Amino acid sequence: MTENAGSNGENYLPYRFTGKELDSETGLYYYGARYLDAKYSRWLSCDPALGEYIPHAPISDEAKKHNQNLPGMGGVFNTVNLNLYHYAGNNPVNYIDPDGRTERSGNKYVFTRSEIKFMKEVFGYVAEYIAPSVRVICLPPGRSASTNLFYSRQIWLSAECFDNPLDSYDGINAMMHEMFHQIQYYYEPGGAFSGLDPSAFERLVAEQVVYSVSKIDVYSYGDYEKTDLSQYKTLFDMPYYEAQAQLAGNFAALYKMAKDKQELSKEELEALKVSAEILSNSGFSSEAIKWVKENIE
């Protein structure tokens, strides 16, 4: 008796494209919200998120907040979304869509298009260049990214903010803090094995030892609530890389609060201005930095 290797043998792999099960009879993948034809990277039914792409009448703060961060990197104003059958923004190499409705879910995926857009808005083009290749990993409940070592092209987000860090200011702070480490890696890839000065990775690992063993708060040097940021002209004046990332995360959250017309304290407004100046002096150029300089007195 001869077995059919195509259906029962080791060559039969039911879970294929993005880990979804292939229906051998139809050649389609089922994602929960709709079926995908992977051969053409097209859905068989239209995008169920269409209603979310359309701006709301700006009659409330909630509606205005929705309009400022439309899904799909601009909602209906992003022309790719007008094709209701496209898969992952017509970019399946960099993006995935686990259930037919969103770009990320589960345990280990990439940044969504909305998140990359916000990163570019805050940090400039360098973030847009790096972010698509960074893997996003969900930590178990109760654990934060600071409890793990750092690796280039990977970040860890807590379970509380993993699904959509843009939904809260704490989530924005955490995501942008970790993303800033990726920018540090990008600019300082060398280290002991390359003959250069200690790399960003080596410095961050050493700082975690200092933080854990010596109990020196390496984050506080970039925290406006604990340190006078006006003493720094550039990020390179700060003694720790964690301090740089702390400033960057706080800046992103304060900027979003200001754009959402949240009431900021005098201390927060001053921190926002000073942080924008430090980032600008350090070579960063972005819409957020420009906006702060023009709108925060």
C-alpha atoms as a PDB file:
ATOM      1  CA  MET A   1       0.000   0.000   0.000  1.00  0.00           C
ATOM      2  CA  THR A   2       1.437   3.370  -1.023  1.00  0.00           C
ATOM      3  CA  GLU A   3       0.610   6.555   0.930  1.00  0.00           C
ATOM      4  CA  ASN A   4      -0.155   9.814  -0.823  1.00  0.00           C
ATOM      5  CA  ALA A   5       2.671  12.068   0.312  1.00  0.00           C
ATOM      6  CA  GLY A   6       0.767  15.075  -0.966  1.00  0.00           C
ATOM      7  CA  SER A   7      -2.036  14.633   1.597  1.00  0.00           C
ATOM      8  CA  ASN A   8      -0.818  12.342   4.382  1.00  0.00           C
ATOM      9  CA  GLY A   9       2.978  12.424   4.247  1.00  0.00           C
ATOM     10  CA  GLU A  10       5.535  14.806   5.613  1.00  0.00           C
ATOM     11  CA  ASN A  11       5.167  17.119   2.601  1.00  0.00           C
ATOM     12  CA  TYR A  12       1.630  18.047   3.636  1.00  0.00           C
ATOM     13  CA  LEU A  13       1.765  21.309   5.587  1.00  0.00           C
ATOM     14  CA  PRO A  14      -1.743  22.617   6.289  1.00  0.00           C
ATOM     15  CA  TYR A  15      -0.487  25.789   8.043  1.00  0.00           C
ATOM     16  CA  ARG A  16       1.366  27.927   5.561  1.00  0.00           C
ATOM     17  CA  PHE A  17       0.998  31.585   4.606  1.00  0.00           C
ATOM     18  CA  THR A  18       1.277  33.696   7.836  1.00  0.00           C
ATOM     19  CA  GLY A  19       0.550  30.533   9.839  1.00  0.00           C
ATOM     20  CA  LYS A  20      -3.031  30.152   8.616  1.00  0.00           C
ATOM     21  CA  GLU A  21      -4.575  26.848   7.502  1.00  0.00           C
ATOM     22  CA  LEU A  22      -4.910  26.265   3.798  1.00  0.00           C
ATOM     23  CA  ASP A  23      -8.196  24.814   2.549  1.00  0.00           C
ATOM     24  CA  SER A  24      -6.896  22.284   0.017  1.00  0.00           C
ATOM     25  CA  GLU A  25     -10.221  22.170  -1.832  1.00  0.00           C
ATOM     26  CA  THR A  26     -10.562  25.904  -2.479  1.00  0.00           C
ATOM     27  CA  GLY A  27      -6.924  27.006  -2.187  1.00  0.00           C
ATOM     28  CA  LEU A  28      -8.004  29.761   0.209  1.00  0.00           C
ATOM     29  CA  TYR A  29      -6.937  30.756   3.725  1.00  0.00           C
ATOM     30  CA  TYR A  30      -9.525  31.570   6.402  1.00  0.00           C
ATOM     31  CA  TYR A  31      -8.623  34.501   8.680  1.00  0.00           C
ATOM     32  CA  GLY A  32     -11.783  34.838  10.746  1.00  0.00           C
ATOM     33  CA  ALA A  33     -13.182  37.985   9.173  1.00  0.00           C
ATOM     34  CA  ARG A  34     -12.726  36.882   5.555  1.00  0.00           C
ATOM     35  CA  TYR A  35     -10.995  34.509   3.147  1.00  0.00           C
ATOM     36  CA  LEU A  36      -7.658  35.291   1.479  1.00  0.00           C
ATOM     37  CA  ASP A  37      -6.417  34.199  -1.921  1.00  0.00           C
ATOM     38  CA  ALA A  38      -2.657  34.179  -1.180  1.00  0.00           C
ATOM     39  CA  LYS A  39      -1.759  33.640  -4.837  1.00  0.00           C
ATOM     40  CA  TYR A  40      -2.953  37.154  -5.647  1.00  0.00           C
ATOM     41  CA  SER A  41      -2.680  38.627  -2.109  1.00  0.00           C
ATOM     42  CA  ARG A  42      -6.343  39.619  -2.258  1.00  0.00           C
ATOM     43  CA  TRP A  43      -9.321  39.130   0.042  1.00  0.00           C
ATOM     44  CA  LEU A  44     -12.490  37.586  -1.342  1.00  0.00           C
ATOM     45  CA  SER A  45     -14.693  40.099   0.481  1.00  0.00           C
ATOM     46  CA  CYS A  46     -14.266  43.804   1.135  1.00  0.00           C
ATOM     47  CA  ASP A  47     -12.561  45.329   4.141  1.00  0.00           C
ATOM     48  CA  PRO A  48     -14.836  45.223   7.238  1.00  0.00           C
ATOM     49  CA  ALA A  49     -12.871  48.169   8.641  1.00  0.00           C
ATOM     50  CA  LEU A  50     -14.170  50.541   5.947  1.00  0.00           C
ATOM     51  CA  GLY A  51     -16.361  52.406   8.427  1.00  0.00           C
ATOM     52  CA  GLU A  52     -13.339  53.142  10.602  1.00  0.00           C
ATOM     53  CA  TYR A  53     -11.471  54.709   7.647  1.00  0.00           C
ATOM     54  CA  ILE A  54     -14.108  57.437   7.256  1.00  0.00           C
ATOM     55  CA  PRO A  55     -13.686  60.607   9.388  1.00  0.00           C
ATOM     56  CA  HIS A  56     -16.386  61.409  11.910  1.00  0.00           C
ATOM     57  CA  ALA A  57     -18.154  64.750  12.103  1.00  0.00           C
ATOM     58  CA  PRO A  58     -15.860  66.824  14.395  1.00  0.00           C
ATOM     59  CA  ILE A  59     -18.552  67.534  16.975  1.00  0.00           C
ATOM     60  CA  SER A  60     -16.815  65.990  19.991  1.00  0.00           C
ATOM     61  CA  ASP A  61     -13.309  65.480  21.369  1.00  0.00           C
ATOM     62  CA  GLU A  62     -13.649  61.738  20.754  1.00  0.00           C
ATOM     63  CA  ALA A  63     -14.517  62.317  17.094  1.00  0.00           C
ATOM     64  CA  LYS A  64     -11.622  64.740  16.661  1.00  0.00           C
ATOM     65  CA  LYS A  65      -9.226  62.226  18.245  1.00  0.00           C
ATOM     66  CA  HIS A  66     -10.482  59.541  15.836  1.00  0.00           C
ATOM     67  CA  ASN A  67      -9.943  61.844  12.851  1.00  0.00           C
ATOM     68  CA  GLN A  68      -6.375  62.627  13.928  1.00  0.00           C
ATOM     69  CA  ASN A  69      -5.406  58.938  13.880  1.00  0.00           C
ATOM     70  CA  LEU A  70      -7.452  57.222  11.171  1.00  0.00           C
ATOM     71  CA  PRO A  71      -6.652  53.511  10.759  1.00  0.00           C
ATOM     72  CA  GLY A  72      -4.582  52.414   7.791  1.00  0.00           C
ATOM     73  CA  MET A  73      -2.185  55.392   7.954  1.00  0.00           C
ATOM     74  CA  GLY A  74      -4.781  57.955   6.941  1.00  0.00           C
ATOM     75  CA  GLY A  75      -8.052  56.110   6.385  1.00  0.00           C
ATOM     76  CA  VAL A  76      -9.787  57.073   3.129  1.00  0.00           C
ATOM     77  CA  PHE A  77      -7.118  59.751   2.547  1.00  0.00           C
ATOM     78  CA  ASN A  78      -4.575  56.963   2.018  1.00  0.00           C
ATOM     79  CA  THR A  79      -5.439  55.853  -1.514  1.00  0.00           C
ATOM     80  CA  VAL A  80      -4.402  52.228  -0.931  1.00  0.00           C
ATOM     81  CA  ASN A  81      -7.377  51.887   1.441  1.00  0.00           C
ATOM     82  CA  LEU A  82      -9.777  52.724  -1.372  1.00  0.00           C
ATOM     83  CA  ASN A  83      -9.053  49.230  -2.689  1.00  0.00           C
ATOM     84  CA  LEU A  84     -11.236  47.283  -0.254  1.00  0.00           C
ATOM     85  CA  TYR A  85      -9.693  43.946  -1.236  1.00  0.00           C
ATOM     86  CA  HIS A  86      -5.977  44.721  -0.718  1.00  0.00           C
ATOM     87  CA  TYR A  87      -3.992  42.650   1.778  1.00  0.00           C
ATOM     88  CA  ALA A  88      -1.727  44.356   4.356  1.00  0.00           C
ATOM     89  CA  GLY A  89      -1.426  47.636   2.520  1.00  0.00           C
ATOM     90  CA  ASN A  90      -0.216  45.862  -0.649  1.00  0.00           C
ATOM     91  CA  ASN A  91       2.997  45.143   1.261  1.00  0.00           C
ATOM     92  CA  PRO A  92       2.866  41.518   2.505  1.00  0.00           C
ATOM     93  CA  VAL A  93       6.665  41.464   2.955  1.00  0.00           C
ATOM     94  CA  ASN A  94       6.587  43.970   5.813  1.00  0.00           C
ATOM     95  CA  TYR A  95       3.010  43.683   7.092  1.00  0.00           C
ATOM     96  CA  ILE A  96       0.622  40.917   8.123  1.00  0.00           C
ATOM     97  CA  ASP A  97      -3.076  40.842   8.956  1.00  0.00           C
ATOM     98  CA  PRO A  98      -3.823  38.018  11.419  1.00  0.00           C
ATOM     99  CA  ASP A  99      -7.629  38.190  11.327  1.00  0.00           C
ATOM    100  CA  GLY A 100      -8.549  40.228   8.244  1.00  0.00           C
ATOM    101  CA  ARG A 101      -9.147  43.371  10.294  1.00  0.00           C
ATOM    102  CA  THR A 102      -5.841  44.558  11.742  1.00  0.00           C
ATOM    103  CA  GLU A 103      -2.111  44.425  11.120  1.00  0.00           C
ATOM    104  CA  ARG A 104      -1.030  42.898  14.447  1.00  0.00           C
ATOM    105  CA  SER A 105      -2.416  40.482  17.010  1.00  0.00           C
ATOM    106  CA  GLY A 106      -1.202  37.541  19.046  1.00  0.00           C
ATOM    107  CA  ASN A 107       2.359  37.183  20.284  1.00  0.00           C
ATOM    108  CA  LYS A 108       4.958  38.335  17.761  1.00  0.00           C
ATOM    109  CA  TYR A 109       4.330  40.671  14.840  1.00  0.00           C
ATOM    110  CA  VAL A 110       5.323  43.954  13.247  1.00  0.00           C
ATOM    111  CA  PHE A 111       4.370  47.563  13.836  1.00  0.00           C
ATOM    112  CA  THR A 112       1.076  48.644  12.302  1.00  0.00           C
ATOM    113  CA  ARG A 113       0.986  51.287   9.613  1.00  0.00           C
ATOM    114  CA  SER A 114      -0.589  53.791  12.025  1.00  0.00           C
ATOM    115  CA  GLU A 115       2.242  53.246  14.510  1.00  0.00           C
ATOM    116  CA  ILE A 116       4.923  53.704  11.843  1.00  0.00           C
ATOM    117  CA  LYS A 117       3.221  56.886  10.702  1.00  0.00           C
ATOM    118  CA  PHE A 118       3.299  58.239  14.259  1.00  0.00           C
ATOM    119  CA  MET A 119       6.963  57.242  14.683  1.00  0.00           C
ATOM    120  CA  LYS A 120       7.843  59.152  11.534  1.00  0.00           C
ATOM    121  CA  GLU A 121       5.822  62.111  12.792  1.00  0.00           C
ATOM    122  CA  VAL A 122       7.795  62.193  16.054  1.00  0.00           C
ATOM    123  CA  PHE A 123      11.300  60.978  15.098  1.00  0.00           C
ATOM    124  CA  GLY A 124      11.423  61.674  11.372  1.00  0.00           C
ATOM    125  CA  TYR A 125      12.319  59.502   8.396  1.00  0.00           C
ATOM    126  CA  VAL A 126      14.845  57.361  10.261  1.00  0.00           C
ATOM    127  CA  ALA A 127      12.010  55.768  12.262  1.00  0.00           C
ATOM    128  CA  GLU A 128       9.999  55.095   9.103  1.00  0.00           C
ATOM    129  CA  TYR A 129      13.064  53.409   7.594  1.00  0.00           C
ATOM    130  CA  ILE A 130      13.819  51.173  10.593  1.00  0.00           C
ATOM    131  CA  ALA A 131      10.353  50.306  11.934  1.00  0.00           C
ATOM    132  CA  PRO A 132       9.068  47.916   9.207  1.00  0.00           C
ATOM    133  CA  SER A 133      11.838  45.404   9.970  1.00  0.00           C
ATOM    134  CA  VAL A 134      11.369  45.482  13.768  1.00  0.00           C
ATOM    135  CA  ARG A 135       9.544  42.568  15.414  1.00  0.00           C
ATOM    136  CA  VAL A 136       7.058  43.411  18.191  1.00  0.00           C
ATOM    137  CA  ILE A 137       6.765  40.846  20.988  1.00  0.00           C
ATOM    138  CA  CYS A 138       4.074  40.697  23.661  1.00  0.00           C
ATOM    139  CA  LEU A 139       5.295  40.181  27.214  1.00  0.00           C
ATOM    140  CA  PRO A 140       3.383  38.134  29.788  1.00  0.00           C
ATOM    141  CA  PRO A 141       1.027  40.187  32.007  1.00  0.00           C
ATOM    142  CA  GLY A 142       2.778  42.133  34.732  1.00  0.00           C
ATOM    143  CA  ARG A 143       6.156  42.332  33.004  1.00  0.00           C
ATOM    144  CA  SER A 144       7.694  45.378  31.368  1.00  0.00           C
ATOM    145  CA  ALA A 145      10.291  45.733  28.653  1.00  0.00           C
ATOM    146  CA  SER A 146      12.851  46.901  31.203  1.00  0.00           C
ATOM    147  CA  THR A 147      13.046  43.349  32.622  1.00  0.00           C
ATOM    148  CA  ASN A 148      14.519  41.967  29.364  1.00  0.00           C
ATOM    149  CA  LEU A 149      17.788  42.357  27.515  1.00  0.00           C
ATOM    150  CA  PHE A 150      17.792  44.352  24.312  1.00  0.00           C
ATOM    151  CA  TYR A 151      18.151  43.043  20.790  1.00  0.00           C
ATOM    152  CA  SER A 152      18.351  44.913  17.521  1.00  0.00           C
ATOM    153  CA  ARG A 153      15.196  44.568  15.403  1.00  0.00           C
ATOM    154  CA  GLN A 154      13.065  43.373  18.335  1.00  0.00           C
ATOM    155  CA  ILE A 155      11.102  45.209  21.003  1.00  0.00           C
ATOM    156  CA  TRP A 156       8.899  43.990  23.844  1.00  0.00           C
ATOM    157  CA  LEU A 157       5.615  45.643  24.796  1.00  0.00           C
ATOM    158  CA  SER A 158       3.549  44.833  27.855  1.00  0.00           C
ATOM    159  CA  ALA A 159       0.335  42.887  27.406  1.00  0.00           C
ATOM    160  CA  GLU A 160      -1.607  45.974  28.541  1.00  0.00           C
ATOM    161  CA  CYS A 161      -0.571  48.054  25.516  1.00  0.00           C
ATOM    162  CA  PHE A 162       0.521  45.463  22.937  1.00  0.00           C
ATOM    163  CA  ASP A 163      -2.643  45.407  20.802  1.00  0.00           C
ATOM    164  CA  ASN A 164      -2.732  49.176  20.285  1.00  0.00           C
ATOM    165  CA  PRO A 165      -0.188  51.322  22.162  1.00  0.00           C
ATOM    166  CA  LEU A 166      -1.551  54.425  20.429  1.00  0.00           C
ATOM    167  CA  ASP A 167      -4.743  54.087  22.471  1.00  0.00           C
ATOM    168  CA  SER A 168      -3.108  55.490  25.616  1.00  0.00           C
ATOM    169  CA  TYR A 169      -0.393  57.990  26.473  1.00  0.00           C
ATOM    170  CA  ASP A 170       1.381  55.392  28.614  1.00  0.00           C
ATOM    171  CA  GLY A 171       1.332  53.022  25.653  1.00  0.00           C
ATOM    172  CA  ILE A 172       2.762  55.718  23.389  1.00  0.00           C
ATOM    173  CA  ASN A 173       5.508  56.428  25.929  1.00  0.00           C
ATOM    174  CA  ALA A 174       6.448  52.737  26.194  1.00  0.00           C
ATOM    175  CA  MET A 175       6.417  52.095  22.433  1.00  0.00           C
ATOM    176  CA  MET A 176       8.431  55.189  21.561  1.00  0.00           C
ATOM    177  CA  HIS A 177      10.939  54.544  24.369  1.00  0.00           C
ATOM    178  CA  GLU A 178      11.642  51.073  22.953  1.00  0.00           C
ATOM    179  CA  MET A 179      11.650  52.309  19.362  1.00  0.00           C
ATOM    180  CA  PHE A 180      14.264  54.896  20.268  1.00  0.00           C
ATOM    181  CA  HIS A 181      16.573  52.056  21.302  1.00  0.00           C
ATOM    182  CA  GLN A 182      16.257  50.738  17.742  1.00  0.00           C
ATOM    183  CA  ILE A 183      17.397  54.142  16.480  1.00  0.00           C
ATOM    184  CA  GLN A 184      20.364  53.960  18.856  1.00  0.00           C
ATOM    185  CA  TYR A 185      21.253  50.523  17.454  1.00  0.00           C
ATOM    186  CA  TYR A 186      20.976  51.869  13.920  1.00  0.00           C
ATOM    187  CA  TYR A 187      23.436  54.688  14.509  1.00  0.00           C
ATOM    188  CA  GLU A 188      25.861  52.655  16.656  1.00  0.00           C
ATOM    189  CA  PRO A 189      25.994  49.082  15.315  1.00  0.00           C
ATOM    190  CA  GLY A 190      29.652  48.518  16.238  1.00  0.00           C
ATOM    191  CA  GLY A 191      31.168  47.446  19.514  1.00  0.00           C
ATOM    192  CA  ALA A 192      33.837  45.261  21.038  1.00  0.00           C
ATOM    193  CA  PHE A 193      33.845  42.824  18.117  1.00  0.00           C
ATOM    194  CA  SER A 194      34.195  45.538  15.500  1.00  0.00           C
ATOM    195  CA  GLY A 195      36.989  47.461  17.171  1.00  0.00           C
ATOM    196  CA  LEU A 196      34.773  50.502  17.707  1.00  0.00           C
ATOM    197  CA  ASP A 197      33.706  52.051  20.986  1.00  0.00           C
ATOM    198  CA  PRO A 198      31.053  50.121  22.985  1.00  0.00           C
ATOM    199  CA  SER A 199      27.945  49.676  20.869  1.00  0.00           C
ATOM    200  CA  ALA A 200      24.469  50.778  21.890  1.00  0.00           C
ATOM    201  CA  PHE A 201      23.643  47.174  22.778  1.00  0.00           C
ATOM    202  CA  GLU A 202      26.693  46.856  25.048  1.00  0.00           C
ATOM    203  CA  ARG A 203      25.983  50.179  26.727  1.00  0.00           C
ATOM    204  CA  LEU A 204      22.352  49.302  27.390  1.00  0.00           C
ATOM    205  CA  VAL A 205      23.246  45.919  28.844  1.00  0.00           C
ATOM    206  CA  ALA A 206      25.827  47.588  31.091  1.00  0.00           C
ATOM    207  CA  GLU A 207      23.250  50.166  32.161  1.00  0.00           C
ATOM    208  CA  GLN A 208      20.853  47.410  33.187  1.00  0.00           C
ATOM    209  CA  VAL A 209      23.589  45.991  35.408  1.00  0.00           C
ATOM    210  CA  VAL A 210      24.150  49.434  36.922  1.00  0.00           C
ATOM    211  CA  TYR A 211      20.403  49.828  37.443  1.00  0.00           C
ATOM    212  CA  SER A 212      19.924  46.367  38.974  1.00  0.00           C
ATOM    213  CA  VAL A 213      23.096  46.021  41.038  1.00  0.00           C
ATOM    214  CA  SER A 214      24.208  49.550  41.899  1.00  0.00           C
ATOM    215  CA  LYS A 215      20.615  50.824  42.152  1.00  0.00           C
ATOM    216  CA  ILE A 216      21.440  53.908  40.078  1.00  0.00           C
ATOM    217  CA  ASP A 217      18.302  55.118  38.311  1.00  0.00           C
ATOM    218  CA  VAL A 218      19.659  55.420  34.774  1.00  0.00           C
ATOM    219  CA  TYR A 219      16.206  56.440  33.509  1.00  0.00           C
ATOM    220  CA  SER A 220      15.833  59.433  35.815  1.00  0.00           C
ATOM    221  CA  TYR A 221      18.473  61.475  33.979  1.00  0.00           C
ATOM    222  CA  GLY A 222      16.049  61.851  31.082  1.00  0.00           C
ATOM    223  CA  ASP A 223      12.867  62.144  33.149  1.00  0.00           C
ATOM    224  CA  TYR A 224      11.576  65.705  33.394  1.00  0.00           C
ATOM    225  CA  GLU A 225       9.906  64.877  36.727  1.00  0.00           C
ATOM    226  CA  LYS A 226      13.267  63.974  38.297  1.00  0.00           C
ATOM    227  CA  THR A 227      15.859  65.961  36.349  1.00  0.00           C
ATOM    228  CA  ASP A 228      16.223  69.501  35.023  1.00  0.00           C
ATOM    229  CA  LEU A 229      16.442  68.801  31.290  1.00  0.00           C
ATOM    230  CA  SER A 230      17.605  72.335  30.520  1.00  0.00           C
ATOM    231  CA  GLN A 231      21.116  71.296  31.591  1.00  0.00           C
ATOM    232  CA  TYR A 232      21.424  69.312  28.353  1.00  0.00           C
ATOM    233  CA  LYS A 233      22.018  70.789  24.926  1.00  0.00           C
ATOM    234  CA  THR A 234      21.959  67.487  23.046  1.00  0.00           C
ATOM    235  CA  LEU A 235      21.168  63.853  23.792  1.00  0.00           C
ATOM    236  CA  PHE A 236      24.892  63.152  23.852  1.00  0.00           C
ATOM    237  CA  ASP A 237      25.234  65.274  27.004  1.00  0.00           C
ATOM    238  CA  MET A 238      23.213  62.659  28.897  1.00  0.00           C
ATOM    239  CA  PRO A 239      25.198  60.054  30.852  1.00  0.00           C
ATOM    240  CA  TYR A 240      23.019  57.078  29.880  1.00  0.00           C
ATOM    241  CA  TYR A 241      21.320  55.731  26.773  1.00  0.00           C
ATOM    242  CA  GLU A 242      18.279  54.840  28.863  1.00  0.00           C
ATOM    243  CA  ALA A 243      18.003  58.508  29.759  1.00  0.00           C
ATOM    244  CA  GLN A 244      17.887  59.396  26.056  1.00  0.00           C
ATOM    245  CA  ALA A 245      15.102  56.888  25.450  1.00  0.00           C
ATOM    246  CA  GLN A 246      13.239  58.128  28.522  1.00  0.00           C
ATOM    247  CA  LEU A 247      13.286  61.665  27.153  1.00  0.00           C
ATOM    248  CA  ALA A 248      12.172  60.440  23.722  1.00  0.00           C
ATOM    249  CA  GLY A 249       9.248  58.436  25.119  1.00  0.00           C
ATOM    250  CA  ASN A 250       8.105  61.297  27.342  1.00  0.00           C
ATOM    251  CA  PHE A 251       8.379  63.734  24.443  1.00  0.00           C
ATOM    252  CA  ALA A 252       6.167  61.559  22.229  1.00  0.00           C
ATOM    253  CA  ALA A 253       3.492  61.193  24.932  1.00  0.00           C
ATOM    254  CA  LEU A 254       3.494  64.900  25.851  1.00  0.00           C
ATOM    255  CA  TYR A 255       3.352  65.861  22.179  1.00  0.00           C
ATOM    256  CA  LYS A 256       0.315  63.638  21.612  1.00  0.00           C
ATOM    257  CA  MET A 257      -1.360  65.073  24.713  1.00  0.00           C
ATOM    258  CA  ALA A 258      -0.756  68.596  23.443  1.00  0.00           C
ATOM    259  CA  LYS A 259      -2.092  67.739  19.960  1.00  0.00           C
ATOM    260  CA  ASP A 260      -5.176  66.194  21.617  1.00  0.00           C
ATOM    261  CA  LYS A 261      -5.659  69.517  23.456  1.00  0.00           C
ATOM    262  CA  GLN A 262      -5.152  67.920  26.863  1.00  0.00           C
ATOM    263  CA  GLU A 263      -4.370  70.389  29.617  1.00  0.00           C
ATOM    264  CA  LEU A 264      -0.649  70.212  30.403  1.00  0.00           C
ATOM    265  CA  SER A 265       0.990  71.555  33.543  1.00  0.00           C
ATOM    266  CA  LYS A 266       3.643  74.270  33.375  1.00  0.00           C
ATOM    267  CA  GLU A 267       6.274  71.619  34.089  1.00  0.00           C
ATOM    268  CA  GLU A 268       4.998  69.405  31.253  1.00  0.00           C
ATOM    269  CA  LEU A 269       4.898  72.292  28.764  1.00  0.00           C
ATOM    270  CA  GLU A 270       8.464  73.261  29.660  1.00  0.00           C
ATOM    271  CA  ALA A 271       9.610  69.642  29.331  1.00  0.00           C
ATOM    272  CA  LEU A 272       7.957  69.407  25.914  1.00  0.00           C
ATOM    273  CA  LYS A 273       9.744  72.540  24.672  1.00  0.00           C
ATOM    274  CA  VAL A 274      13.134  71.593  26.079  1.00  0.00           C
ATOM    275  CA  SER A 275      12.890  68.017  24.756  1.00  0.00           C
ATOM    276  CA  ALA A 276      12.059  69.264  21.266  1.00  0.00           C
ATOM    277  CA  GLU A 277      15.093  71.534  21.377  1.00  0.00           C
ATOM    278  CA  ILE A 278      17.380  68.719  22.573  1.00  0.00           C
ATOM    279  CA  LEU A 279      16.163  66.366  19.846  1.00  0.00           C
ATOM    280  CA  SER A 280      16.570  69.086  17.224  1.00  0.00           C
ATOM    281  CA  ASN A 281      20.104  69.903  18.407  1.00  0.00           C
ATOM    282  CA  SER A 282      20.891  66.174  18.190  1.00  0.00           C
ATOM    283  CA  GLY A 283      20.059  66.017  14.493  1.00  0.00           C
ATOM    284  CA  PHE A 284      16.397  64.966  14.570  1.00  0.00           C
ATOM    285  CA  SER A 285      13.961  66.709  12.250  1.00  0.00           C
ATOM    286  CA  SER A 286      10.253  65.863  12.362  1.00  0.00           C
ATOM    287  CA  GLU A 287       6.732  67.238  12.180  1.00  0.00           C
ATOM    288  CA  ALA A 288       6.381  66.910  15.956  1.00  0.00           C
ATOM    289  CA  ILE A 289       9.507  68.918  16.720  1.00  0.00           C
ATOM    290  CA  LYS A 290       8.425  71.607  14.269  1.00  0.00           C
ATOM    291  CA  TRP A 291       4.905  71.687  15.699  1.00  0.00           C
ATOM    292  CA  VAL A 292       6.141  72.091  19.267  1.00  0.00           C
ATOM    293  CA  LYS A 293       8.466  74.955  18.314  1.00  0.00           C
ATOM    294  CA  GLU A 294       5.635  76.733  16.524  1.00  0.00           C
ATOM    295  CA  ASN A 295       2.790  76.143  18.964  1.00  0.00           C
ATOM    296  CA  ILE A 296       4.168  75.771  22.502  1.00  0.00           C
ATOM    297  CA  GLU A 297       5.162  79.086  24.040  1.00  0.00           C
END
